[in-house]
Amino acid sequence: MKNHYAVIMAGGIGSRFWPISRTSLPKQFIDMLGTGRTLIQATYDRFRKIVPESNIFVATNESYADIVRQQLPQLAPHQLILEPIMRNTAPSIAYASHKIFQLNPRATMVIAPADHLILETDEFVRNVVKGLK
């Protein structure tokens, strides 16, 4: 389990959900479902069941670093993978993979968007654990 990592991608600008979601506060940082937890917080909660909290990272744009720190204050500074510019999904995954590899060359990881709705959490956890093995 110490070699298992999760990377939450939280760099999108949420333009498809305007006017609720804005560039200054995209959907991943909003409690869209009225649960008392934002989408990124709910994603973090799911991954706490799968990997050690110290192995959960958030990949986001530098402009969202403060919001991530506010919503996930338990993250250590090194758990934020800050992208200097937005370049979409593939470069974000490549950059996060490089960062995780530098920490642990034996790492296996799951990459997930911060804004997915997962209703079957237990099944999600089982499948991700199986995939990491």
N, C-alpha and C. Protein backbone atom coordinates (compact mmCIF):
# COMPACT_ATOMS: atom_id res chain seq x y z
N MET A 1 0.81 -1.19 0.00
CA MET A 1 0.00 0.00 0.00
C MET A 1 0.86 1.27 0.00
N LYS A 2 2.07 1.17 0.53
CA LYS A 2 2.94 2.35 0.58
C LYS A 2 3.37 2.80 -0.80
N ASN A 3 3.27 1.91 -1.80
CA ASN A 3 3.64 2.26 -3.17
C ASN A 3 2.44 2.72 -4.00
N HIS A 4 1.27 2.79 -3.39
CA HIS A 4 0.07 3.20 -4.11
C HIS A 4 -0.20 4.68 -3.89
N TYR A 5 -0.48 5.39 -4.98
CA TYR A 5 -0.69 6.83 -4.96
C TYR A 5 -1.97 7.18 -5.70
N ALA A 6 -2.55 8.30 -5.32
CA ALA A 6 -3.69 8.85 -6.05
C ALA A 6 -3.36 10.29 -6.41
N VAL A 7 -3.68 10.66 -7.62
CA VAL A 7 -3.51 12.04 -8.06
C VAL A 7 -4.88 12.54 -8.49
N ILE A 8 -5.31 13.60 -7.86
CA ILE A 8 -6.59 14.23 -8.18
C ILE A 8 -6.30 15.41 -9.10
N MET A 9 -6.86 15.37 -10.30
CA MET A 9 -6.68 16.47 -11.24
C MET A 9 -7.74 17.53 -10.96
N ALA A 10 -7.28 18.73 -10.65
CA ALA A 10 -8.20 19.80 -10.27
C ALA A 10 -7.83 21.12 -10.93
N GLY A 11 -7.42 21.06 -12.18
CA GLY A 11 -6.95 22.27 -12.84
C GLY A 11 -7.91 22.88 -13.83
N GLY A 12 -9.05 22.21 -14.08
CA GLY A 12 -9.98 22.72 -15.08
C GLY A 12 -10.67 24.00 -14.65
N ILE A 13 -11.10 24.78 -15.64
CA ILE A 13 -11.73 26.06 -15.34
C ILE A 13 -13.24 25.96 -15.22
N GLY A 14 -13.82 24.79 -15.48
CA GLY A 14 -15.25 24.58 -15.25
C GLY A 14 -16.16 25.43 -16.11
N SER A 15 -15.77 25.73 -17.33
CA SER A 15 -16.52 26.65 -18.18
C SER A 15 -17.89 26.11 -18.61
N ARG A 16 -18.07 24.81 -18.62
CA ARG A 16 -19.35 24.25 -19.07
C ARG A 16 -20.47 24.42 -18.06
N PHE A 17 -20.13 24.78 -16.83
CA PHE A 17 -21.15 24.94 -15.80
C PHE A 17 -21.37 26.41 -15.43
N TRP A 18 -20.96 27.32 -16.34
CA TRP A 18 -21.21 28.73 -16.12
C TRP A 18 -22.72 28.95 -16.10
N PRO A 19 -23.29 29.75 -15.24
CA PRO A 19 -22.68 30.76 -14.39
C PRO A 19 -22.37 30.27 -12.98
N ILE A 20 -22.73 29.03 -12.64
CA ILE A 20 -22.41 28.53 -11.29
C ILE A 20 -20.91 28.42 -11.12
N SER A 21 -20.26 27.83 -12.10
CA SER A 21 -18.82 27.62 -12.07
C SER A 21 -18.16 28.72 -12.89
N ARG A 22 -17.17 29.36 -12.31
CA ARG A 22 -16.45 30.44 -13.00
C ARG A 22 -14.95 30.14 -12.95
N THR A 23 -14.20 30.81 -13.77
CA THR A 23 -12.75 30.61 -13.79
C THR A 23 -12.16 30.85 -12.40
N SER A 24 -12.70 31.80 -11.67
CA SER A 24 -12.16 32.11 -10.34
C SER A 24 -12.56 31.06 -9.29
N LEU A 25 -13.64 30.31 -9.54
CA LEU A 25 -14.08 29.24 -8.63
C LEU A 25 -14.76 28.14 -9.46
N PRO A 26 -13.95 27.26 -10.08
CA PRO A 26 -14.51 26.21 -10.93
C PRO A 26 -15.28 25.15 -10.14
N LYS A 27 -16.02 24.34 -10.87
CA LYS A 27 -16.95 23.38 -10.26
C LYS A 27 -16.32 22.44 -9.26
N GLN A 28 -15.05 22.07 -9.43
CA GLN A 28 -14.43 21.14 -8.48
C GLN A 28 -14.31 21.72 -7.08
N PHE A 29 -14.43 23.04 -6.96
CA PHE A 29 -14.31 23.70 -5.66
C PHE A 29 -15.66 24.15 -5.11
N ILE A 30 -16.74 23.65 -5.71
CA ILE A 30 -18.10 24.02 -5.31
C ILE A 30 -18.83 22.78 -4.80
N ASP A 31 -19.69 22.97 -3.81
CA ASP A 31 -20.56 21.90 -3.32
C ASP A 31 -21.75 21.80 -4.27
N MET A 32 -21.53 21.22 -5.42
CA MET A 32 -22.54 21.14 -6.48
C MET A 32 -23.73 20.26 -6.09
N LEU A 33 -23.52 19.32 -5.19
CA LEU A 33 -24.56 18.35 -4.85
C LEU A 33 -25.27 18.67 -3.54
N GLY A 34 -24.85 19.72 -2.86
CA GLY A 34 -25.48 20.10 -1.61
C GLY A 34 -25.22 19.13 -0.47
N THR A 35 -24.05 18.50 -0.48
CA THR A 35 -23.71 17.50 0.54
C THR A 35 -22.90 18.08 1.70
N GLY A 36 -22.49 19.33 1.56
CA GLY A 36 -21.60 19.91 2.56
C GLY A 36 -20.13 19.69 2.23
N ARG A 37 -19.86 19.02 1.14
CA ARG A 37 -18.50 18.77 0.68
C ARG A 37 -18.41 19.19 -0.78
N THR A 38 -17.31 19.84 -1.14
CA THR A 38 -17.10 20.19 -2.54
C THR A 38 -16.73 18.93 -3.32
N LEU A 39 -16.73 19.03 -4.63
CA LEU A 39 -16.39 17.86 -5.45
C LEU A 39 -14.96 17.38 -5.18
N ILE A 40 -14.01 18.30 -5.02
CA ILE A 40 -12.64 17.88 -4.74
C ILE A 40 -12.54 17.24 -3.36
N GLN A 41 -13.28 17.74 -2.39
CA GLN A 41 -13.26 17.14 -1.05
C GLN A 41 -13.86 15.74 -1.08
N ALA A 42 -14.93 15.55 -1.84
CA ALA A 42 -15.54 14.22 -1.96
C ALA A 42 -14.58 13.24 -2.64
N THR A 43 -13.85 13.71 -3.65
CA THR A 43 -12.87 12.87 -4.33
C THR A 43 -11.75 12.48 -3.36
N TYR A 44 -11.27 13.45 -2.59
CA TYR A 44 -10.25 13.17 -1.58
C TYR A 44 -10.75 12.13 -0.58
N ASP A 45 -11.99 12.28 -0.13
CA ASP A 45 -12.57 11.34 0.83
C ASP A 45 -12.59 9.91 0.28
N ARG A 46 -12.91 9.77 -1.02
CA ARG A 46 -12.90 8.43 -1.63
C ARG A 46 -11.51 7.82 -1.62
N PHE A 47 -10.51 8.63 -1.96
CA PHE A 47 -9.15 8.09 -2.04
C PHE A 47 -8.54 7.80 -0.68
N ARG A 48 -9.04 8.43 0.38
CA ARG A 48 -8.57 8.10 1.73
C ARG A 48 -8.86 6.64 2.07
N LYS A 49 -9.81 6.04 1.41
CA LYS A 49 -10.16 4.63 1.64
C LYS A 49 -9.27 3.69 0.85
N ILE A 50 -8.42 4.25 -0.01
CA ILE A 50 -7.66 3.43 -0.94
C ILE A 50 -6.16 3.51 -0.71
N VAL A 51 -5.65 4.71 -0.49
CA VAL A 51 -4.21 4.91 -0.32
C VAL A 51 -3.98 5.72 0.96
N PRO A 52 -2.77 5.66 1.49
CA PRO A 52 -2.47 6.51 2.65
C PRO A 52 -2.67 7.98 2.30
N GLU A 53 -3.15 8.76 3.25
CA GLU A 53 -3.38 10.19 2.98
C GLU A 53 -2.11 10.88 2.51
N SER A 54 -0.98 10.42 2.99
CA SER A 54 0.29 11.03 2.56
C SER A 54 0.59 10.75 1.08
N ASN A 55 -0.14 9.82 0.48
CA ASN A 55 0.07 9.47 -0.93
C ASN A 55 -1.02 10.02 -1.85
N ILE A 56 -1.81 10.95 -1.34
CA ILE A 56 -2.81 11.61 -2.17
C ILE A 56 -2.25 12.97 -2.59
N PHE A 57 -2.22 13.21 -3.88
CA PHE A 57 -1.69 14.44 -4.43
C PHE A 57 -2.78 15.14 -5.24
N VAL A 58 -2.66 16.43 -5.35
CA VAL A 58 -3.59 17.20 -6.17
C VAL A 58 -2.78 17.95 -7.23
N ALA A 59 -3.12 17.70 -8.48
CA ALA A 59 -2.51 18.42 -9.60
C ALA A 59 -3.45 19.54 -10.00
N THR A 60 -2.96 20.75 -9.95
CA THR A 60 -3.79 21.90 -10.27
C THR A 60 -2.93 23.02 -10.81
N ASN A 61 -3.57 24.03 -11.31
CA ASN A 61 -2.87 25.21 -11.79
C ASN A 61 -2.44 26.06 -10.60
N GLU A 62 -1.34 26.75 -10.74
CA GLU A 62 -0.84 27.61 -9.66
C GLU A 62 -1.91 28.58 -9.16
N SER A 63 -2.79 29.02 -10.05
CA SER A 63 -3.81 29.99 -9.65
C SER A 63 -4.85 29.40 -8.70
N TYR A 64 -4.94 28.08 -8.61
CA TYR A 64 -5.91 27.44 -7.71
C TYR A 64 -5.27 26.89 -6.44
N ALA A 65 -4.00 27.12 -6.25
CA ALA A 65 -3.29 26.57 -5.08
C ALA A 65 -3.93 27.00 -3.77
N ASP A 66 -4.29 28.26 -3.63
CA ASP A 66 -4.87 28.74 -2.38
C ASP A 66 -6.22 28.10 -2.10
N ILE A 67 -7.03 27.92 -3.14
CA ILE A 67 -8.34 27.28 -2.96
C ILE A 67 -8.16 25.83 -2.51
N VAL A 68 -7.22 25.12 -3.13
CA VAL A 68 -6.95 23.73 -2.74
C VAL A 68 -6.50 23.69 -1.28
N ARG A 69 -5.61 24.57 -0.90
CA ARG A 69 -5.13 24.60 0.49
C ARG A 69 -6.25 24.89 1.48
N GLN A 70 -7.19 25.76 1.09
CA GLN A 70 -8.34 26.05 1.95
C GLN A 70 -9.26 24.85 2.09
N GLN A 71 -9.50 24.17 0.99
CA GLN A 71 -10.46 23.06 1.00
C GLN A 71 -9.86 21.75 1.48
N LEU A 72 -8.55 21.59 1.33
CA LEU A 72 -7.86 20.38 1.78
C LEU A 72 -6.65 20.79 2.62
N PRO A 73 -6.89 21.39 3.79
CA PRO A 73 -5.78 21.89 4.59
C PRO A 73 -4.86 20.80 5.12
N GLN A 74 -5.31 19.55 5.07
CA GLN A 74 -4.48 18.44 5.55
C GLN A 74 -3.34 18.09 4.59
N LEU A 75 -3.38 18.61 3.38
CA LEU A 75 -2.30 18.32 2.42
C LEU A 75 -1.02 19.03 2.82
N ALA A 76 0.07 18.30 2.75
CA ALA A 76 1.39 18.91 2.94
C ALA A 76 1.73 19.68 1.66
N PRO A 77 2.58 20.69 1.76
CA PRO A 77 2.92 21.47 0.56
C PRO A 77 3.38 20.62 -0.63
N HIS A 78 4.15 19.55 -0.35
CA HIS A 78 4.66 18.74 -1.47
C HIS A 78 3.56 17.89 -2.13
N GLN A 79 2.36 17.82 -1.52
CA GLN A 79 1.27 17.05 -2.10
C GLN A 79 0.49 17.85 -3.15
N LEU A 80 0.86 19.09 -3.34
CA LEU A 80 0.29 19.90 -4.41
C LEU A 80 1.26 19.90 -5.58
N ILE A 81 0.79 19.44 -6.70
CA ILE A 81 1.58 19.45 -7.92
C ILE A 81 1.06 20.64 -8.73
N LEU A 82 1.80 21.72 -8.68
CA LEU A 82 1.34 22.96 -9.29
C LEU A 82 1.87 23.11 -10.71
N GLU A 83 0.93 23.20 -11.63
CA GLU A 83 1.26 23.36 -13.03
C GLU A 83 1.43 24.85 -13.31
N PRO A 84 2.54 25.25 -13.90
CA PRO A 84 2.75 26.68 -14.15
C PRO A 84 1.79 27.26 -15.18
N ILE A 85 1.34 26.42 -16.14
CA ILE A 85 0.36 26.87 -17.13
C ILE A 85 -0.60 25.72 -17.42
N MET A 86 -1.79 26.05 -17.87
CA MET A 86 -2.79 25.02 -18.19
C MET A 86 -2.50 24.43 -19.56
N ARG A 87 -2.39 23.09 -19.59
CA ARG A 87 -2.10 22.41 -20.85
C ARG A 87 -3.00 21.19 -21.06
N ASN A 88 -4.08 21.09 -20.32
CA ASN A 88 -5.06 20.01 -20.45
C ASN A 88 -4.60 18.70 -19.79
N THR A 89 -5.35 17.64 -20.04
CA THR A 89 -5.24 16.40 -19.28
C THR A 89 -3.92 15.65 -19.47
N ALA A 90 -3.54 15.36 -20.69
CA ALA A 90 -2.35 14.52 -20.93
C ALA A 90 -1.08 15.14 -20.32
N PRO A 91 -0.79 16.42 -20.54
CA PRO A 91 0.40 16.99 -19.91
C PRO A 91 0.31 17.00 -18.38
N SER A 92 -0.90 17.19 -17.86
CA SER A 92 -1.08 17.16 -16.41
C SER A 92 -0.72 15.79 -15.85
N ILE A 93 -1.19 14.75 -16.51
CA ILE A 93 -0.89 13.38 -16.08
C ILE A 93 0.61 13.09 -16.22
N ALA A 94 1.21 13.51 -17.31
CA ALA A 94 2.65 13.30 -17.51
C ALA A 94 3.46 14.00 -16.41
N TYR A 95 3.10 15.22 -16.10
CA TYR A 95 3.81 15.99 -15.07
C TYR A 95 3.64 15.34 -13.70
N ALA A 96 2.42 14.93 -13.37
CA ALA A 96 2.16 14.27 -12.08
C ALA A 96 2.91 12.93 -12.01
N SER A 97 2.91 12.19 -13.11
CA SER A 97 3.62 10.90 -13.14
C SER A 97 5.11 11.10 -12.88
N HIS A 98 5.67 12.11 -13.49
CA HIS A 98 7.10 12.43 -13.28
C HIS A 98 7.36 12.76 -11.81
N LYS A 99 6.51 13.58 -11.21
CA LYS A 99 6.68 13.97 -9.81
C LYS A 99 6.59 12.76 -8.88
N ILE A 100 5.61 11.91 -9.11
CA ILE A 100 5.44 10.71 -8.27
C ILE A 100 6.63 9.76 -8.46
N PHE A 101 7.07 9.58 -9.69
CA PHE A 101 8.22 8.71 -9.96
C PHE A 101 9.47 9.21 -9.23
N GLN A 102 9.65 10.53 -9.16
CA GLN A 102 10.79 11.08 -8.43
C GLN A 102 10.72 10.72 -6.95
N LEU A 103 9.52 10.66 -6.40
CA LEU A 103 9.34 10.30 -4.99
C LEU A 103 9.51 8.80 -4.76
N ASN A 104 8.98 8.01 -5.70
CA ASN A 104 8.96 6.56 -5.51
C ASN A 104 8.94 5.88 -6.88
N PRO A 105 10.09 5.40 -7.35
CA PRO A 105 10.13 4.73 -8.65
C PRO A 105 9.30 3.46 -8.72
N ARG A 106 8.89 2.91 -7.57
CA ARG A 106 8.07 1.69 -7.56
C ARG A 106 6.57 2.00 -7.45
N ALA A 107 6.22 3.25 -7.56
CA ALA A 107 4.83 3.68 -7.37
C ALA A 107 3.90 3.14 -8.45
N THR A 108 2.70 2.82 -8.01
CA THR A 108 1.57 2.64 -8.90
C THR A 108 0.59 3.74 -8.52
N MET A 109 -0.13 4.24 -9.50
CA MET A 109 -1.02 5.35 -9.15
C MET A 109 -2.29 5.33 -9.97
N VAL A 110 -3.27 5.96 -9.39
CA VAL A 110 -4.54 6.18 -10.07
C VAL A 110 -4.68 7.69 -10.21
N ILE A 111 -5.13 8.09 -11.38
CA ILE A 111 -5.35 9.51 -11.66
C ILE A 111 -6.86 9.68 -11.84
N ALA A 112 -7.43 10.68 -11.19
CA ALA A 112 -8.87 10.88 -11.29
C ALA A 112 -9.20 12.37 -11.29
N PRO A 113 -10.21 12.74 -12.05
CA PRO A 113 -10.65 14.13 -12.01
C PRO A 113 -11.28 14.44 -10.65
N ALA A 114 -11.21 15.69 -10.26
CA ALA A 114 -11.76 16.13 -8.98
C ALA A 114 -13.28 16.27 -9.03
N ASP A 115 -13.85 16.25 -10.22
CA ASP A 115 -15.26 16.61 -10.34
C ASP A 115 -16.19 15.48 -10.78
N HIS A 116 -15.79 14.25 -10.60
CA HIS A 116 -16.66 13.14 -10.97
C HIS A 116 -17.65 12.81 -9.85
N LEU A 117 -18.83 12.42 -10.27
CA LEU A 117 -19.85 11.96 -9.33
C LEU A 117 -19.76 10.44 -9.29
N ILE A 118 -19.41 9.90 -8.13
CA ILE A 118 -19.31 8.45 -7.93
C ILE A 118 -20.35 8.08 -6.89
N LEU A 119 -21.39 7.36 -7.29
CA LEU A 119 -22.45 6.99 -6.36
C LEU A 119 -22.18 5.66 -5.67
N GLU A 120 -21.54 4.75 -6.37
CA GLU A 120 -21.24 3.42 -5.82
C GLU A 120 -19.81 3.43 -5.26
N THR A 121 -19.62 4.10 -4.15
CA THR A 121 -18.28 4.30 -3.59
C THR A 121 -17.60 2.98 -3.26
N ASP A 122 -18.31 2.05 -2.65
CA ASP A 122 -17.69 0.77 -2.29
C ASP A 122 -17.18 0.02 -3.52
N GLU A 123 -17.98 0.02 -4.57
CA GLU A 123 -17.56 -0.64 -5.80
C GLU A 123 -16.38 0.09 -6.43
N PHE A 124 -16.41 1.41 -6.41
CA PHE A 124 -15.30 2.21 -6.91
C PHE A 124 -14.02 1.85 -6.16
N VAL A 125 -14.09 1.81 -4.84
CA VAL A 125 -12.91 1.49 -4.02
C VAL A 125 -12.39 0.10 -4.38
N ARG A 126 -13.27 -0.89 -4.46
CA ARG A 126 -12.85 -2.26 -4.80
C ARG A 126 -12.13 -2.29 -6.15
N ASN A 127 -12.69 -1.62 -7.14
CA ASN A 127 -12.10 -1.63 -8.48
C ASN A 127 -10.76 -0.92 -8.54
N VAL A 128 -10.64 0.19 -7.85
CA VAL A 128 -9.37 0.91 -7.86
C VAL A 128 -8.30 0.11 -7.14
N VAL A 129 -8.64 -0.48 -6.00
CA VAL A 129 -7.67 -1.30 -5.26
C VAL A 129 -7.20 -2.46 -6.14
N LYS A 130 -8.14 -3.10 -6.82
CA LYS A 130 -7.80 -4.19 -7.74
C LYS A 130 -6.86 -3.70 -8.84
N GLY A 131 -7.16 -2.54 -9.40
CA GLY A 131 -6.32 -1.97 -10.45
C GLY A 131 -4.91 -1.63 -9.97
N LEU A 132 -4.81 -1.11 -8.76
CA LEU A 132 -3.49 -0.78 -8.22
C LEU A 132 -2.64 -2.01 -7.96
N LYS A 133 -3.28 -3.12 -7.64
CA LYS A 133 -2.53 -4.36 -7.42
C LYS A 133 -2.02 -4.92 -8.74
